């Protein structure tokens, strides 16, 4: 045996030993994570376990049948253990790759195409390795054709993962992509250079290259895949260590929102849970309407919004939304999903859903939705205090600016109608506005307004502004401020009408409940 061949054999054995030891270490680590930490799925545990067995066979059993056997017809030595190891581990790695971007963008049809393409690839490669004539190149290039098909689907998966996952996961996804494309391409390339192909390098060199590629495609891929799924996407131990998204600022990043996440699927629930935690949100989870009611009606617990899986929200003709709106009519509800019908988005008022999030859930979209709806989420359940806060905000110097003196309005006070301009007509008090003339709520204070049978919102007069004297640039500046203030006041008045409309139904239900209780009390008397 020549020195060069002996040197290649030493390198091959060294790499195979490294592969075996890494597989055993990863098997022990993944088993510990599975049994003790409950943070490991079967894919990486399976690959590490089977990889340890096949690596052991490659080191100590290649001289025995069937690990290696010679074909009688042409005398070609076929490395059966090598192809067997690839056949029993790579499909599981491809299944893991297919589900890399998460359940909401998981495509079963695409995964089946990948697995079928891999089966044809393995049949073509093993057939080419058993032949010693020119026909083997037909099978070789046929295998490459299906290899490229797998690469195409893998590109779609990596692209979806970059768009779906948190920004902290993107560099790791790029590393996984480099490992995948580099190792899987290397097998075909070194087959071409091996004695089975063009006979450019020795058999030992080809085996050493295969051992190195096995380390990359199995061990390194498994390590990165586990780290991505359990330490970045879930990170159950210390989720608050998630870094802030790139491009986010203190102004548009919601802080300390308390969100109730309604999700029945545990895997995707943890995925979405950590996406919200990354946005500095405190998240509780519920699986059905009963848990939602139990958590939201708990004394001392106030949620800023609810995020619910759209499929769960629309089940049984939106029954869970009806249950939520009976008691939580003001709480914003955002539904998320992959394929949300356009009719549902257009008829959101009928479904009780305020807004929608559609996969792949970009971070900027999640941040914008939470920023938008956290404004309504900040409404205090004590409506009386909240209404006075709204009007007080309109009267604040920061809101009115230099034209505050020209506005004819004053703060509301409980039980006393105050003028708001527009001909000097009085506007109802916050209590009157909420009660809608409900006699059962009249005990809380003076009331005035429509009867229970007439629930139309009161016609509020539009605020009027005093004329501003001529003044050139100063006049234009004041007109601009006046127009801005007009839009703010219109928005506030619309919010008042929205509150009125939302509370009317609650008042009716409260009246019915009190009437039933009074009837029961009279019957008992």
Protein backbone atom coordinates (compact mmCIF):
# COMPACT_ATOMS: atom_id res chain seq x y z
CA UNK A 1 0.00 0.00 0.00
CA UNK A 2 1.46 3.38 -1.07
CA UNK A 3 2.12 6.18 1.35
CA UNK A 4 -0.47 8.38 -0.31
CA UNK A 5 -3.17 5.73 -0.06
CA UNK A 6 -2.22 4.99 3.55
CA UNK A 7 -2.41 8.70 4.38
CA UNK A 8 -5.86 8.94 2.78
CA UNK A 9 -6.99 5.93 4.81
CA UNK A 10 -5.84 7.57 8.04
CA UNK A 11 -7.76 10.74 7.19
CA UNK A 12 -10.84 8.67 6.34
CA UNK A 13 -10.72 6.81 9.65
CA UNK A 14 -10.14 10.01 11.61
CA UNK A 15 -13.17 11.66 10.02
CA UNK A 16 -15.32 8.57 10.56
CA UNK A 17 -14.30 8.48 14.22
CA UNK A 18 -15.20 12.16 14.55
CA UNK A 19 -18.54 11.42 12.89
CA UNK A 20 -19.21 8.51 15.26
CA UNK A 21 -18.25 10.43 18.42
CA UNK A 22 -20.32 13.45 17.39
CA UNK A 23 -23.33 11.21 16.72
CA UNK A 24 -22.99 9.55 20.15
CA UNK A 25 -22.61 12.91 21.91
CA UNK A 26 -25.60 14.37 20.09
CA UNK A 27 -27.64 11.26 20.87
CA UNK A 28 -26.86 11.66 24.57
CA UNK A 29 -27.60 15.39 24.49
CA UNK A 30 -30.89 15.03 22.60
CA UNK A 31 -31.98 12.18 24.86
CA UNK A 32 -31.31 14.37 27.91
CA UNK A 33 -33.30 17.21 26.33
CA UNK A 34 -36.14 14.83 25.53
CA UNK A 35 -36.44 13.14 28.94
CA UNK A 36 -35.45 15.94 31.32
CA UNK A 37 -36.11 19.24 29.55
CA UNK A 38 -38.94 18.06 27.28
CA UNK A 39 -37.36 20.08 24.50
CA UNK A 40 -36.55 17.69 21.69
CA UNK A 41 -38.57 16.18 18.84
CA UNK A 42 -38.07 12.79 17.31
CA UNK A 43 -36.34 13.90 14.07
CA UNK A 44 -32.96 14.93 15.48
CA UNK A 45 -33.03 12.17 18.12
CA UNK A 46 -33.71 9.58 15.42
CA UNK A 47 -31.00 10.88 13.10
CA UNK A 48 -28.40 10.91 15.89
CA UNK A 49 -29.33 7.39 17.00
CA UNK A 50 -29.40 5.78 13.56
CA UNK A 51 -26.35 7.78 12.52
CA UNK A 52 -24.39 6.32 15.44
CA UNK A 53 -25.23 2.78 14.27
CA UNK A 54 -24.35 3.38 10.62
CA UNK A 55 -21.11 5.17 11.58
CA UNK A 56 -20.12 2.21 13.73
CA UNK A 57 -20.77 -0.15 10.81
CA UNK A 58 -18.69 2.02 8.47
CA UNK A 59 -15.75 1.83 10.87
CA UNK A 60 -15.81 -1.83 11.86
CA UNK A 61 -18.11 -3.72 9.51
CA UNK A 62 -17.35 -2.68 5.96
CA UNK A 63 -15.43 -5.90 5.28
CA UNK A 64 -18.48 -8.04 6.03
CA UNK A 65 -21.53 -8.83 3.94
CA UNK A 66 -23.96 -7.12 3.54
CA UNK A 67 -22.19 -3.93 4.64
CA UNK A 68 -20.16 -4.28 1.46
CA UNK A 69 -20.59 -6.91 -1.24
CA UNK A 70 -19.29 -7.55 -4.74
CA UNK A 71 -21.62 -7.93 -7.71
CA UNK A 72 -20.82 -11.20 -9.48
CA UNK A 73 -21.76 -10.03 -13.00
CA UNK A 74 -19.31 -7.13 -13.25
CA UNK A 75 -17.16 -7.35 -10.11
CA UNK A 76 -18.21 -3.93 -8.82
CA UNK A 77 -17.95 -3.53 -5.02
CA UNK A 78 -21.13 -1.92 -3.72
CA UNK A 79 -21.04 -0.05 -0.33
CA UNK A 80 -24.49 -1.13 0.87
CA UNK A 81 -24.06 0.23 4.43
CA UNK A 82 -23.37 3.70 3.07
CA UNK A 83 -26.51 3.87 0.97
CA UNK A 84 -28.52 2.22 3.74
CA UNK A 85 -27.47 4.95 6.18
CA UNK A 86 -28.51 7.66 3.76
CA UNK A 87 -31.80 5.91 3.01
CA UNK A 88 -32.93 5.66 6.65
CA UNK A 89 -31.78 9.11 7.84
CA UNK A 90 -32.17 11.58 4.99
CA UNK A 91 -35.99 11.25 4.62
CA UNK A 92 -36.37 12.23 8.28
CA UNK A 93 -34.09 15.22 7.74
CA UNK A 94 -36.21 16.23 4.75
CA UNK A 95 -39.38 15.97 6.85
CA UNK A 96 -37.72 18.24 9.42
CA UNK A 97 -36.76 20.65 6.63
CA UNK A 98 -40.31 20.67 5.25
CA UNK A 99 -41.66 21.78 8.63
CA UNK A 100 -38.89 24.31 9.26
CA UNK A 101 -41.09 27.39 8.72
CA UNK A 102 -43.83 26.24 11.07
CA UNK A 103 -47.27 24.72 10.88
CA UNK A 104 -49.04 27.74 9.38
CA UNK A 105 -46.95 27.55 6.18
CA UNK A 106 -46.39 23.78 6.24
CA UNK A 107 -47.19 22.26 2.86
CA UNK A 108 -47.87 18.51 2.99
CA UNK A 109 -48.05 18.23 -0.78
CA UNK A 110 -44.62 19.81 -1.13
CA UNK A 111 -43.17 17.48 1.49
CA UNK A 112 -44.48 14.44 -0.41
CA UNK A 113 -42.90 15.74 -3.60
CA UNK A 114 -39.57 16.14 -1.80
CA UNK A 115 -39.70 12.60 -0.42
CA UNK A 116 -40.62 11.10 -3.81
CA UNK A 117 -37.82 13.06 -5.47
CA UNK A 118 -35.38 11.74 -2.86
CA UNK A 119 -36.49 8.14 -3.46
CA UNK A 120 -35.82 8.52 -7.19
CA UNK A 121 -32.49 10.19 -6.38
CA UNK A 122 -31.42 7.24 -4.20
CA UNK A 123 -32.52 4.67 -6.78
CA UNK A 124 -30.62 6.50 -9.51
CA UNK A 125 -27.47 6.94 -7.41
CA UNK A 126 -27.35 3.35 -6.15
CA UNK A 127 -28.00 1.99 -9.65
CA UNK A 128 -25.19 4.12 -11.08
CA UNK A 129 -22.85 2.79 -8.35
CA UNK A 130 -23.62 -0.83 -9.36
CA UNK A 131 -22.70 -0.31 -13.00
CA UNK A 132 -19.32 -0.13 -14.74
CA UNK A 133 -20.37 0.92 -18.23
CA UNK A 134 -21.45 4.18 -19.84
CA UNK A 135 -25.10 3.73 -18.90
CA UNK A 136 -24.30 4.67 -15.35
CA UNK A 137 -24.06 8.33 -16.42
CA UNK A 138 -27.72 8.29 -17.41
CA UNK A 139 -28.66 7.33 -13.86
CA UNK A 140 -26.14 9.78 -12.43
CA UNK A 141 -27.55 12.82 -14.24
CA UNK A 142 -31.08 11.61 -13.61
CA UNK A 143 -30.25 11.66 -9.91
CA UNK A 144 -28.92 15.22 -10.26
CA UNK A 145 -32.17 16.31 -11.92
CA UNK A 146 -34.18 15.22 -8.89
CA UNK A 147 -31.53 16.65 -6.59
CA UNK A 148 -32.12 20.05 -8.18
CA UNK A 149 -35.85 19.57 -7.71
CA UNK A 150 -35.27 19.04 -4.00
CA UNK A 151 -33.08 22.16 -3.93
CA UNK A 152 -35.88 24.17 -5.54
CA UNK A 153 -38.40 23.14 -2.87
CA UNK A 154 -35.80 23.75 -0.16
CA UNK A 155 -35.33 27.29 -1.47
CA UNK A 156 -39.07 27.92 -1.03
CA UNK A 157 -38.90 26.60 2.53
CA UNK A 158 -35.91 28.76 3.47
CA UNK A 159 -37.55 31.83 1.92
CA UNK A 160 -40.76 31.25 3.90
CA UNK A 161 -38.74 30.70 7.06
CA UNK A 162 -36.92 34.01 6.67
CA UNK A 163 -40.25 35.80 6.18
CA UNK A 164 -42.04 34.00 9.02
CA UNK A 165 -39.51 33.62 11.81
CA UNK A 166 -38.15 36.28 14.16
CA UNK A 167 -35.22 38.38 13.01
CA UNK A 168 -32.91 36.63 15.47
CA UNK A 169 -33.50 33.33 13.64
CA UNK A 170 -32.60 34.61 10.16
CA UNK A 171 -28.78 34.23 10.42
CA UNK A 172 -29.25 30.68 11.70
CA UNK A 173 -31.56 29.89 8.79
CA UNK A 174 -28.87 31.08 6.40
CA UNK A 175 -26.32 28.79 8.07
CA UNK A 176 -28.72 25.85 7.82
CA UNK A 177 -29.19 26.62 4.12
CA UNK A 178 -25.42 26.68 3.54
CA UNK A 179 -24.99 23.37 5.37
CA UNK A 180 -27.85 21.77 3.44
CA UNK A 181 -26.86 22.90 -0.04
CA UNK A 182 -23.12 22.41 0.55
CA UNK A 183 -23.33 18.88 1.96
CA UNK A 184 -26.00 17.53 -0.39
CA UNK A 185 -24.21 18.92 -3.45
CA UNK A 186 -20.91 17.49 -2.21
CA UNK A 187 -22.16 13.91 -2.30
CA UNK A 188 -22.88 14.11 -6.02
CA UNK A 189 -19.68 16.00 -6.72
CA UNK A 190 -17.38 13.50 -4.97
CA UNK A 191 -19.26 10.57 -6.52
CA UNK A 192 -18.25 12.08 -9.86
CA UNK A 193 -14.58 12.25 -8.77
CA UNK A 194 -14.52 8.79 -7.15
CA UNK A 195 -13.41 5.56 -8.87
CA UNK A 196 -17.09 4.73 -9.38
CA UNK A 197 -17.41 7.88 -11.50
CA UNK A 198 -14.57 9.59 -13.38
CA UNK A 199 -11.82 7.97 -11.22
CA UNK A 200 -10.08 11.23 -10.36
CA UNK A 201 -9.49 10.56 -6.65
CA UNK A 202 -8.85 7.35 -4.74
CA UNK A 203 -11.51 5.29 -2.99
CA UNK A 204 -10.20 6.29 0.44
CA UNK A 205 -10.28 9.98 -0.46
CA UNK A 206 -13.90 9.64 -1.60
CA UNK A 207 -14.81 7.85 1.64
CA UNK A 208 -13.10 10.58 3.68
CA UNK A 209 -15.07 13.20 1.76
CA UNK A 210 -18.30 11.27 2.40
CA UNK A 211 -17.49 11.15 6.12
CA UNK A 212 -16.98 14.92 6.19
CA UNK A 213 -20.23 15.47 4.32
CA UNK A 214 -22.02 13.12 6.74
CA UNK A 215 -20.82 15.29 9.62
CA UNK A 216 -22.26 18.35 7.90
CA UNK A 217 -25.54 16.90 6.61
CA UNK A 218 -26.47 14.98 9.79
CA UNK A 219 -24.67 16.27 12.86
CA UNK A 220 -24.29 19.96 12.08
CA UNK A 221 -27.75 20.14 10.54
CA UNK A 222 -29.31 18.43 13.57
CA UNK A 223 -27.54 20.78 15.99
CA UNK A 224 -28.67 23.87 14.12
CA UNK A 225 -32.18 22.52 13.63
CA UNK A 226 -32.59 21.81 17.35
CA UNK A 227 -31.16 25.19 18.32
CA UNK A 228 -33.51 26.97 15.92
CA UNK A 229 -36.66 25.22 17.07
CA UNK A 230 -36.10 25.03 20.81
CA UNK A 231 -33.71 27.77 21.82
CA UNK A 232 -34.76 30.59 19.51
CA UNK A 233 -38.37 29.93 18.52
CA UNK A 234 -39.57 28.66 21.89
CA UNK A 235 -36.94 29.42 24.50
CA UNK A 236 -39.28 28.44 27.28
CA UNK A 237 -36.78 29.07 30.09
CA UNK A 238 -36.00 32.76 29.47
CA UNK A 239 -38.24 34.10 26.70
CA UNK A 240 -37.68 37.72 27.73
CA UNK A 241 -34.11 37.55 26.44
CA UNK A 242 -35.42 37.86 22.88
CA UNK A 243 -33.79 40.80 21.20
CA UNK A 244 -35.74 43.67 19.73
CA UNK A 245 -36.44 43.47 16.00
CA UNK A 246 -34.14 45.32 13.68
CA UNK A 247 -35.63 48.56 12.50
CA UNK A 248 -38.02 48.84 15.42
CA UNK A 249 -37.96 51.93 17.57
CA UNK A 250 -39.14 52.96 20.99
CA UNK A 251 -41.98 54.94 19.43
CA UNK A 252 -43.63 52.14 17.43
CA UNK A 253 -42.78 49.17 19.63
CA UNK A 254 -45.64 48.25 21.98
CA UNK A 255 -44.49 47.79 25.55
CA UNK A 256 -45.82 45.40 28.14
CA UNK A 257 -49.11 44.58 26.44
CA UNK A 258 -50.97 41.74 28.09
CA UNK A 259 -52.36 39.43 25.41
CA UNK A 260 -54.57 36.36 25.68
CA UNK A 261 -53.57 33.88 22.95
CA UNK A 262 -56.36 31.44 22.00
CA UNK A 263 -54.86 28.42 20.23
CA UNK A 264 -55.61 24.70 20.39
CA UNK A 265 -52.49 23.47 18.59
CA UNK A 266 -49.72 23.23 21.18
CA UNK A 267 -46.79 23.37 18.75
CA UNK A 268 -47.96 26.43 16.87
CA UNK A 269 -49.17 27.95 20.12
CA UNK A 270 -45.61 27.95 21.48
CA UNK A 271 -44.35 29.33 18.17
CA UNK A 272 -46.78 32.25 18.18
CA UNK A 273 -46.30 32.69 21.93
CA UNK A 274 -42.61 33.44 21.47
CA UNK A 275 -43.29 35.73 18.53
CA UNK A 276 -45.44 37.85 20.85
CA UNK A 277 -42.94 37.64 23.72
CA UNK A 278 -40.32 39.00 21.37
CA UNK A 279 -42.47 42.13 21.04
CA UNK A 280 -42.31 42.67 24.82
CA UNK A 281 -45.79 41.28 25.47
CA UNK A 282 -47.00 39.30 28.47
CA UNK A 283 -48.88 36.33 27.03
CA UNK A 284 -51.37 33.90 28.54
CA UNK A 285 -52.81 30.99 26.59
CA UNK A 286 -56.33 29.54 26.34
CA UNK A 287 -57.76 26.70 24.27
CA UNK A 288 -61.51 27.39 24.21
CA UNK A 289 -64.21 29.87 25.20
CA UNK A 290 -64.45 28.50 28.73
CA UNK A 291 -60.77 29.20 29.40
CA UNK A 292 -61.12 32.63 27.80
CA UNK A 293 -63.99 33.54 30.12
CA UNK A 294 -62.21 32.07 33.12
CA UNK A 295 -59.03 34.04 32.50
CA UNK A 296 -60.60 37.34 31.43
CA UNK A 297 -63.15 37.49 34.26
CA UNK A 298 -60.55 36.79 36.95
CA UNK A 299 -60.38 39.62 39.45
CA UNK A 300 -57.29 41.75 38.96
CA UNK A 301 -56.52 40.47 35.45
CA UNK A 302 -57.04 42.82 32.51
CA UNK A 303 -55.96 41.88 28.99
CA UNK A 304 -55.17 44.45 26.33
CA UNK A 305 -56.28 42.25 23.44
CA UNK A 306 -57.07 38.72 22.32
CA UNK A 307 -55.28 36.94 19.47
CA UNK A 308 -57.10 33.86 18.19
CA UNK A 309 -56.55 31.29 15.45
CA UNK A 310 -59.00 32.12 12.66
CA UNK A 311 -60.01 28.48 12.16
CA UNK A 312 -60.91 28.29 15.85
CA UNK A 313 -62.76 31.62 15.72
CA UNK A 314 -64.98 30.63 12.79
CA UNK A 315 -65.81 27.15 14.11
CA UNK A 316 -69.52 26.52 14.81
CA UNK A 317 -70.53 29.72 13.03
CA UNK A 318 -68.25 31.92 15.15
CA UNK A 319 -69.68 30.62 18.41
CA UNK A 320 -66.55 31.38 20.41
CA UNK A 321 -66.62 34.97 19.15
CA UNK A 322 -70.24 35.30 20.24
CA UNK A 323 -69.29 34.05 23.71
CA UNK A 324 -66.38 36.48 23.90
CA UNK A 325 -68.41 39.49 22.78
CA UNK A 326 -71.14 38.86 25.34
CA UNK A 327 -68.80 39.89 28.15
CA UNK A 328 -65.82 41.47 26.41
CA UNK A 329 -67.46 43.73 23.87
CA UNK A 330 -64.70 46.38 24.01
CA UNK A 331 -61.66 44.10 23.99
CA UNK A 332 -59.85 44.04 20.60
CA UNK A 333 -59.72 40.62 18.93
CA UNK A 334 -57.18 39.86 16.18
CA UNK A 335 -57.52 36.62 14.21
CA UNK A 336 -54.48 35.06 12.56
CA UNK A 337 -54.24 32.33 9.97
CA UNK A 338 -52.84 31.23 6.66
CA UNK A 339 -55.81 31.41 4.30
CA UNK A 340 -58.42 33.87 5.58
CA UNK A 341 -61.35 34.39 3.17
CA UNK A 342 -61.82 37.91 1.88
CA UNK A 343 -65.50 37.80 2.87
CA UNK A 344 -64.50 37.34 6.51
CA UNK A 345 -62.24 40.38 6.34
CA UNK A 346 -64.94 42.48 4.70
CA UNK A 347 -67.59 41.40 7.23
CA UNK A 348 -65.50 41.74 10.36
CA UNK A 349 -68.27 43.61 12.16
CA UNK A 350 -70.59 40.64 11.76
CA UNK A 351 -68.01 38.17 13.06
CA UNK A 352 -66.87 40.20 16.05
CA UNK A 353 -63.23 40.18 14.86
CA UNK A 354 -61.50 43.56 14.76
CA UNK A 355 -58.51 42.76 12.56
CA UNK A 356 -56.63 39.95 10.85
CA UNK A 357 -53.02 38.73 10.59
CA UNK A 358 -52.20 36.62 7.54
CA UNK A 359 -49.17 34.30 7.24
CA UNK A 360 -46.22 34.59 6.99
CA UNK A 361 -46.70 37.04 9.91
CA UNK A 362 -43.94 39.61 9.22
CA UNK A 363 -42.65 41.31 12.35
CA UNK A 364 -43.52 44.78 11.08
CA UNK A 365 -47.15 43.76 10.51
CA UNK A 366 -47.47 42.25 13.99
CA UNK A 367 -45.97 45.39 15.49
CA UNK A 368 -48.31 47.67 13.54
CA UNK A 369 -51.40 45.68 14.51
CA UNK A 370 -50.51 45.74 18.19
CA UNK A 371 -49.67 49.45 18.06
CA UNK A 372 -52.97 50.23 16.37
CA UNK A 373 -55.24 48.18 18.59
CA UNK A 374 -53.40 48.85 21.82
CA UNK A 375 -54.94 52.33 21.69
CA UNK A 376 -58.40 50.85 22.07
CA UNK A 377 -57.02 48.21 24.39
CA UNK A 378 -56.05 50.98 26.80
CA UNK A 379 -59.74 51.77 27.41
CA UNK A 380 -60.41 51.50 31.10
CA UNK A 381 -63.26 49.13 32.01
CA UNK A 382 -64.68 51.92 34.19
CA UNK A 383 -66.34 53.77 31.34
CA UNK A 384 -67.21 56.84 33.40
CA UNK A 385 -63.57 57.50 34.15
CA UNK A 386 -62.57 56.69 30.60
CA UNK A 387 -65.07 59.12 29.03
CA UNK A 388 -63.82 61.96 31.23
CA UNK A 389 -60.27 61.02 30.26
CA UNK A 390 -61.15 61.28 26.57
CA UNK A 391 -62.65 64.76 26.95
CA UNK A 392 -59.85 65.84 29.27
CA UNK A 393 -57.38 64.77 26.60
CA UNK A 394 -59.23 66.96 24.07
CA UNK A 395 -58.96 69.91 26.49
CA UNK A 396 -55.26 69.43 27.25
CA UNK A 397 -52.85 72.12 26.00
CA UNK A 398 -50.86 69.48 24.12
CA UNK A 399 -53.95 68.69 22.05
CA UNK A 400 -55.53 72.09 21.59
CA UNK A 401 -52.34 74.08 21.02
CA UNK A 402 -52.58 77.76 20.30
CA UNK A 403 -56.24 77.64 19.20
CA UNK A 404 -57.64 76.25 22.44
CA UNK A 405 -59.25 79.58 23.24
CA UNK A 406 -61.31 79.42 20.05
CA UNK A 407 -63.05 76.12 20.84
CA UNK A 408 -66.44 76.11 22.47
CA UNK A 409 -66.40 73.10 24.71
CA UNK A 410 -65.81 72.23 28.32
CA UNK A 411 -65.09 69.02 30.26
CA UNK A 412 -67.98 66.70 30.99
CA UNK A 413 -69.07 66.21 34.56
CA UNK A 414 -71.14 63.34 35.86
CA UNK A 415 -74.84 64.17 35.94
CA UNK A 416 -74.58 67.74 34.52
CA UNK A 417 -74.98 68.40 30.80
CA UNK A 418 -72.50 70.97 29.59
CA UNK A 419 -72.46 72.95 26.33
CA UNK A 420 -70.25 71.80 23.48
CA UNK A 421 -70.96 74.59 20.98
CA UNK A 422 -73.17 74.28 17.94
CA UNK A 423 -75.93 76.65 18.98
CA UNK A 424 -75.44 76.15 22.69
CA UNK A 425 -77.37 72.86 22.84
CA UNK A 426 -76.47 70.79 25.89
CA UNK A 427 -74.66 67.48 25.44
CA UNK A 428 -75.52 64.52 27.69
CA UNK A 429 -73.24 63.55 30.53
CA UNK A 430 -71.02 60.44 30.25
CA UNK A 431 -73.45 58.52 32.47
CA UNK A 432 -76.42 59.58 30.33
CA UNK A 433 -74.49 58.65 27.20
CA UNK A 434 -73.77 55.14 28.49
CA UNK A 435 -77.11 54.38 30.11
CA UNK A 436 -79.20 55.22 27.05
CA UNK A 437 -82.14 55.90 29.34
CA UNK A 438 -81.93 52.49 30.97
CA UNK A 439 -84.02 52.73 34.18
CA UNK A 440 -81.92 50.06 35.86
CA UNK A 441 -78.81 52.19 35.47
CA UNK A 442 -80.57 55.42 36.41
CA UNK A 443 -79.92 54.70 40.08
CA UNK A 444 -76.25 55.38 39.42
CA UNK A 445 -76.95 59.07 38.82
CA UNK A 446 -79.03 61.61 36.86
CA UNK A 447 -79.87 60.59 33.33
CA UNK A 448 -81.42 62.07 30.26
CA UNK A 449 -81.81 60.78 26.76
CA UNK A 450 -83.70 58.22 24.68
CA UNK A 451 -85.91 55.51 26.09
CA UNK A 452 -84.87 51.81 26.05
CA UNK A 453 -86.97 51.30 22.92
CA UNK A 454 -85.18 54.09 21.11
CA UNK A 455 -81.51 53.17 21.02
CA UNK A 456 -80.35 55.52 18.29
CA UNK A 457 -77.13 57.36 19.20
CA UNK A 458 -77.75 61.00 20.19
CA UNK A 459 -77.01 63.60 17.55
CA UNK A 460 -73.93 65.40 18.74
CA UNK A 461 -73.36 68.92 17.44
CA UNK A 462 -70.13 69.48 15.56
CA UNK A 463 -67.63 71.69 17.40
CA UNK A 464 -67.41 75.21 16.00
CA UNK A 465 -64.43 77.50 15.91
CA UNK A 466 -64.23 81.26 16.22
CA UNK A 467 -63.00 83.14 13.23
CA UNK A 468 -59.31 83.89 13.13
CA UNK A 469 -58.19 87.34 12.06
CA UNK A 470 -56.10 87.91 8.99
CA UNK A 471 -52.41 87.43 9.61
CA UNK A 472 -50.47 86.10 6.60
CA UNK A 473 -48.23 83.17 7.51
CA UNK A 474 -49.55 83.19 11.06
CA UNK A 475 -53.09 82.80 9.73
CA UNK A 476 -52.10 79.79 7.60
CA UNK A 477 -50.36 78.20 10.56
CA UNK A 478 -53.42 78.68 12.77
CA UNK A 479 -55.71 77.33 10.04
CA UNK A 480 -53.53 74.25 9.81
CA UNK A 481 -53.67 73.76 13.58
CA UNK A 482 -57.43 74.31 13.52
CA UNK A 483 -57.90 71.67 10.81
CA UNK A 484 -55.74 69.23 12.76
CA UNK A 485 -57.77 69.83 15.89
CA UNK A 486 -61.01 69.38 13.97
CA UNK A 487 -59.90 65.93 12.80
CA UNK A 488 -58.90 64.97 16.37
CA UNK A 489 -62.24 66.05 17.76
CA UNK A 490 -64.11 64.21 15.00
CA UNK A 491 -62.17 61.09 15.91
CA UNK A 492 -63.04 61.52 19.59
CA UNK A 493 -66.72 61.98 18.81
CA UNK A 494 -66.69 58.87 16.65
CA UNK A 495 -65.14 56.96 19.55
CA UNK A 496 -67.95 58.20 21.79
CA UNK A 497 -70.56 56.95 19.32
CA UNK A 498 -68.74 53.61 19.07
CA UNK A 499 -68.78 53.26 22.85
CA UNK A 500 -72.50 54.12 22.89
CA UNK A 501 -73.32 51.52 20.25
CA UNK A 502 -71.26 48.84 22.00
CA UNK A 503 -72.76 49.50 25.43
CA UNK A 504 -76.40 49.53 24.33
CA UNK A 505 -76.40 45.78 23.82
CA UNK A 506 -74.66 45.24 27.14
CA UNK A 507 -77.21 47.46 28.87
CA UNK A 508 -80.09 45.48 27.40
CA UNK A 509 -78.57 42.21 28.51
CA UNK A 510 -77.93 43.64 31.97
CA UNK A 511 -81.53 44.86 32.15
CA UNK A 512 -82.83 41.42 31.19
CA UNK A 513 -80.66 39.74 33.80
CA UNK A 514 -81.74 42.14 36.53
CA UNK A 515 -85.40 41.69 35.58
CA UNK A 516 -85.02 37.93 35.83
CA UNK A 517 -83.33 38.26 39.20
CA UNK A 518 -86.12 40.59 40.39
CA UNK A 519 -88.75 38.11 39.22
CA UNK A 520 -87.00 35.30 41.03
CA UNK A 521 -86.78 37.44 44.14
CA UNK A 522 -90.50 38.26 44.01
CA UNK A 523 -91.35 34.61 43.53
CA UNK A 524 -89.30 33.70 46.57
CA UNK A 525 -91.07 36.41 48.59
